[in-house]
Amino acid sequence: MALQILVAPAGDGWVVRSEAFDNELVFEAGGRAEAAARALADRYARAGSAAEVSIFLRNGDLAGRFVHGAAA
């Protein structure tokens, strides 16, 4: 199963959450949160663990999902 990484609104900013780390990463801009989440997913994938990034809009709708397959 792929490691789940979520990008979601939080107050005036955006957070990146995952069971892979204890604390949320907080960003002022959604684009920066998405870029950080995708970079983390890419790192996990290159290390051999599949990762999936799910990005949610302020209204709660899923905006996109990106799967990073594990490197061989």
N, C-alpha and C. Protein backbone atom coordinates (compact mmCIF):
# COMPACT_ATOMS: atom_id res chain seq x y z
N MET A 1 0.83 -1.18 0.00
CA MET A 1 0.00 0.00 0.00
C MET A 1 0.88 1.25 0.00
N ALA A 2 0.47 2.24 -0.73
CA ALA A 2 1.25 3.46 -0.87
C ALA A 2 1.13 4.34 0.37
N LEU A 3 2.21 5.02 0.68
CA LEU A 3 2.21 6.01 1.76
C LEU A 3 1.29 7.15 1.34
N GLN A 4 0.38 7.54 2.21
CA GLN A 4 -0.56 8.63 1.93
C GLN A 4 -0.01 9.95 2.43
N ILE A 5 -0.01 10.94 1.56
CA ILE A 5 0.39 12.30 1.91
C ILE A 5 -0.77 13.20 1.49
N LEU A 6 -1.29 13.99 2.43
CA LEU A 6 -2.44 14.84 2.17
C LEU A 6 -2.07 16.31 2.21
N VAL A 7 -2.64 17.09 1.30
CA VAL A 7 -2.53 18.54 1.30
C VAL A 7 -3.93 19.06 1.52
N ALA A 8 -4.11 19.87 2.57
CA ALA A 8 -5.44 20.35 2.91
C ALA A 8 -5.38 21.76 3.48
N PRO A 9 -6.48 22.50 3.34
CA PRO A 9 -6.53 23.84 3.93
C PRO A 9 -6.57 23.75 5.44
N ALA A 10 -5.99 24.76 6.09
CA ALA A 10 -6.00 24.84 7.56
C ALA A 10 -5.96 26.31 7.92
N GLY A 11 -7.07 26.85 8.36
CA GLY A 11 -7.12 28.27 8.68
C GLY A 11 -6.86 29.08 7.43
N ASP A 12 -5.91 30.01 7.53
CA ASP A 12 -5.56 30.84 6.38
C ASP A 12 -4.50 30.20 5.49
N GLY A 13 -3.97 29.06 5.91
CA GLY A 13 -2.88 28.42 5.17
C GLY A 13 -3.24 27.03 4.70
N TRP A 14 -2.20 26.25 4.51
CA TRP A 14 -2.33 24.88 4.00
C TRP A 14 -1.39 23.98 4.79
N VAL A 15 -1.78 22.73 4.97
CA VAL A 15 -0.92 21.77 5.68
C VAL A 15 -0.66 20.55 4.82
N VAL A 16 0.47 19.92 5.11
CA VAL A 16 0.82 18.63 4.52
C VAL A 16 0.86 17.65 5.68
N ARG A 17 0.09 16.56 5.55
CA ARG A 17 -0.01 15.56 6.61
C ARG A 17 0.32 14.17 6.06
N SER A 18 0.90 13.34 6.92
CA SER A 18 1.17 11.96 6.58
C SER A 18 1.48 11.19 7.85
N GLU A 19 1.21 9.89 7.80
CA GLU A 19 1.59 9.05 8.94
C GLU A 19 3.11 8.87 8.99
N ALA A 20 3.81 9.29 7.96
CA ALA A 20 5.27 9.14 7.91
C ALA A 20 5.99 10.14 8.80
N PHE A 21 5.32 11.23 9.19
CA PHE A 21 5.96 12.20 10.07
C PHE A 21 4.98 12.68 11.13
N ASP A 22 5.54 13.06 12.28
CA ASP A 22 4.74 13.40 13.45
C ASP A 22 4.03 14.74 13.36
N ASN A 23 4.69 15.75 12.83
CA ASN A 23 4.12 17.09 12.79
C ASN A 23 3.69 17.47 11.38
N GLU A 24 2.62 18.24 11.30
CA GLU A 24 2.17 18.75 10.01
C GLU A 24 3.17 19.80 9.52
N LEU A 25 3.29 19.89 8.22
CA LEU A 25 4.07 20.96 7.61
C LEU A 25 3.06 22.05 7.24
N VAL A 26 3.32 23.28 7.62
CA VAL A 26 2.37 24.38 7.41
C VAL A 26 2.93 25.36 6.39
N PHE A 27 2.07 25.77 5.46
CA PHE A 27 2.47 26.69 4.39
C PHE A 27 1.41 27.77 4.24
N GLU A 28 1.85 28.95 3.80
CA GLU A 28 0.91 30.05 3.55
C GLU A 28 0.19 29.86 2.22
N ALA A 29 0.85 29.24 1.24
CA ALA A 29 0.28 29.09 -0.10
C ALA A 29 0.06 27.62 -0.43
N GLY A 30 -1.06 27.33 -1.07
CA GLY A 30 -1.39 25.97 -1.45
C GLY A 30 -0.39 25.38 -2.44
N GLY A 31 0.10 26.20 -3.36
CA GLY A 31 1.07 25.72 -4.34
C GLY A 31 2.36 25.26 -3.69
N ARG A 32 2.78 25.96 -2.67
CA ARG A 32 4.00 25.55 -1.95
C ARG A 32 3.77 24.26 -1.18
N ALA A 33 2.59 24.11 -0.60
CA ALA A 33 2.26 22.87 0.11
C ALA A 33 2.23 21.70 -0.85
N GLU A 34 1.62 21.90 -2.01
CA GLU A 34 1.58 20.83 -3.02
C GLU A 34 2.98 20.46 -3.48
N ALA A 35 3.82 21.45 -3.75
CA ALA A 35 5.17 21.17 -4.21
C ALA A 35 5.96 20.40 -3.15
N ALA A 36 5.80 20.77 -1.88
CA ALA A 36 6.50 20.06 -0.81
C ALA A 36 6.01 18.62 -0.70
N ALA A 37 4.70 18.42 -0.81
CA ALA A 37 4.13 17.08 -0.71
C ALA A 37 4.61 16.20 -1.86
N ARG A 38 4.63 16.75 -3.05
CA ARG A 38 5.07 15.97 -4.20
C ARG A 38 6.56 15.67 -4.13
N ALA A 39 7.35 16.60 -3.60
CA ALA A 39 8.78 16.35 -3.43
C ALA A 39 9.01 15.24 -2.40
N LEU A 40 8.26 15.26 -1.32
CA LEU A 40 8.36 14.19 -0.32
C LEU A 40 7.98 12.84 -0.92
N ALA A 41 6.88 12.82 -1.67
CA ALA A 41 6.43 11.58 -2.30
C ALA A 41 7.48 11.05 -3.26
N ASP A 42 8.12 11.95 -4.00
CA ASP A 42 9.17 11.55 -4.93
C ASP A 42 10.35 10.94 -4.18
N ARG A 43 10.71 11.52 -3.05
CA ARG A 43 11.82 10.98 -2.24
C ARG A 43 11.50 9.59 -1.74
N TYR A 44 10.29 9.40 -1.22
CA TYR A 44 9.89 8.07 -0.74
C TYR A 44 9.90 7.07 -1.90
N ALA A 45 9.41 7.48 -3.05
CA ALA A 45 9.36 6.58 -4.21
C ALA A 45 10.76 6.18 -4.65
N ARG A 46 11.68 7.15 -4.69
CA ARG A 46 13.06 6.83 -5.08
C ARG A 46 13.73 5.91 -4.06
N ALA A 47 13.27 5.96 -2.80
CA ALA A 47 13.82 5.09 -1.76
C ALA A 47 13.16 3.71 -1.75
N GLY A 48 12.16 3.50 -2.64
CA GLY A 48 11.55 2.18 -2.76
C GLY A 48 10.16 2.04 -2.17
N SER A 49 9.55 3.12 -1.70
CA SER A 49 8.20 3.07 -1.13
C SER A 49 7.25 3.92 -1.98
N ALA A 50 6.22 3.30 -2.51
CA ALA A 50 5.22 4.04 -3.29
C ALA A 50 4.55 5.08 -2.39
N ALA A 51 4.19 6.21 -2.98
CA ALA A 51 3.53 7.28 -2.23
C ALA A 51 2.43 7.89 -3.08
N GLU A 52 1.39 8.35 -2.43
CA GLU A 52 0.27 8.98 -3.11
C GLU A 52 -0.04 10.31 -2.45
N VAL A 53 -0.11 11.37 -3.25
CA VAL A 53 -0.43 12.71 -2.76
C VAL A 53 -1.87 13.02 -3.14
N SER A 54 -2.69 13.38 -2.16
CA SER A 54 -4.07 13.81 -2.38
C SER A 54 -4.18 15.27 -1.98
N ILE A 55 -4.74 16.07 -2.87
CA ILE A 55 -4.85 17.51 -2.65
C ILE A 55 -6.32 17.89 -2.55
N PHE A 56 -6.67 18.55 -1.46
CA PHE A 56 -8.05 18.94 -1.21
C PHE A 56 -8.22 20.45 -1.30
N LEU A 57 -9.36 20.87 -1.86
CA LEU A 57 -9.70 22.29 -1.97
C LEU A 57 -10.28 22.79 -0.64
N ARG A 58 -10.44 24.09 -0.54
CA ARG A 58 -11.02 24.69 0.67
C ARG A 58 -12.44 24.20 0.94
N ASN A 59 -13.18 23.84 -0.09
CA ASN A 59 -14.54 23.35 0.11
C ASN A 59 -14.59 21.86 0.43
N GLY A 60 -13.43 21.22 0.53
CA GLY A 60 -13.36 19.80 0.88
C GLY A 60 -13.30 18.85 -0.30
N ASP A 61 -13.50 19.35 -1.52
CA ASP A 61 -13.44 18.51 -2.70
C ASP A 61 -12.01 18.07 -2.99
N LEU A 62 -11.88 16.88 -3.53
CA LEU A 62 -10.57 16.39 -3.95
C LEU A 62 -10.19 17.09 -5.26
N ALA A 63 -9.09 17.79 -5.27
CA ALA A 63 -8.65 18.53 -6.46
C ALA A 63 -7.78 17.65 -7.35
N GLY A 64 -7.02 16.74 -6.76
CA GLY A 64 -6.15 15.89 -7.55
C GLY A 64 -5.47 14.86 -6.70
N ARG A 65 -5.01 13.82 -7.38
CA ARG A 65 -4.29 12.73 -6.73
C ARG A 65 -3.13 12.35 -7.63
N PHE A 66 -1.94 12.25 -7.05
CA PHE A 66 -0.74 11.93 -7.79
C PHE A 66 -0.08 10.72 -7.16
N VAL A 67 0.18 9.69 -7.97
CA VAL A 67 0.80 8.47 -7.47
C VAL A 67 2.26 8.46 -7.91
N HIS A 68 3.13 8.21 -6.96
CA HIS A 68 4.56 8.10 -7.22
C HIS A 68 4.93 6.64 -6.96
N GLY A 69 5.16 5.90 -8.03
CA GLY A 69 5.48 4.49 -7.90
C GLY A 69 6.87 4.27 -7.33
N ALA A 70 7.01 3.18 -6.59
CA ALA A 70 8.31 2.85 -5.97
C ALA A 70 9.34 2.51 -7.05
N ALA A 71 10.53 3.03 -6.86
CA ALA A 71 11.64 2.71 -7.77
C ALA A 71 12.06 1.26 -7.56
N ALA A 72 12.50 0.64 -8.61
CA ALA A 72 12.90 -0.76 -8.52
C ALA A 72 14.19 -0.91 -7.75
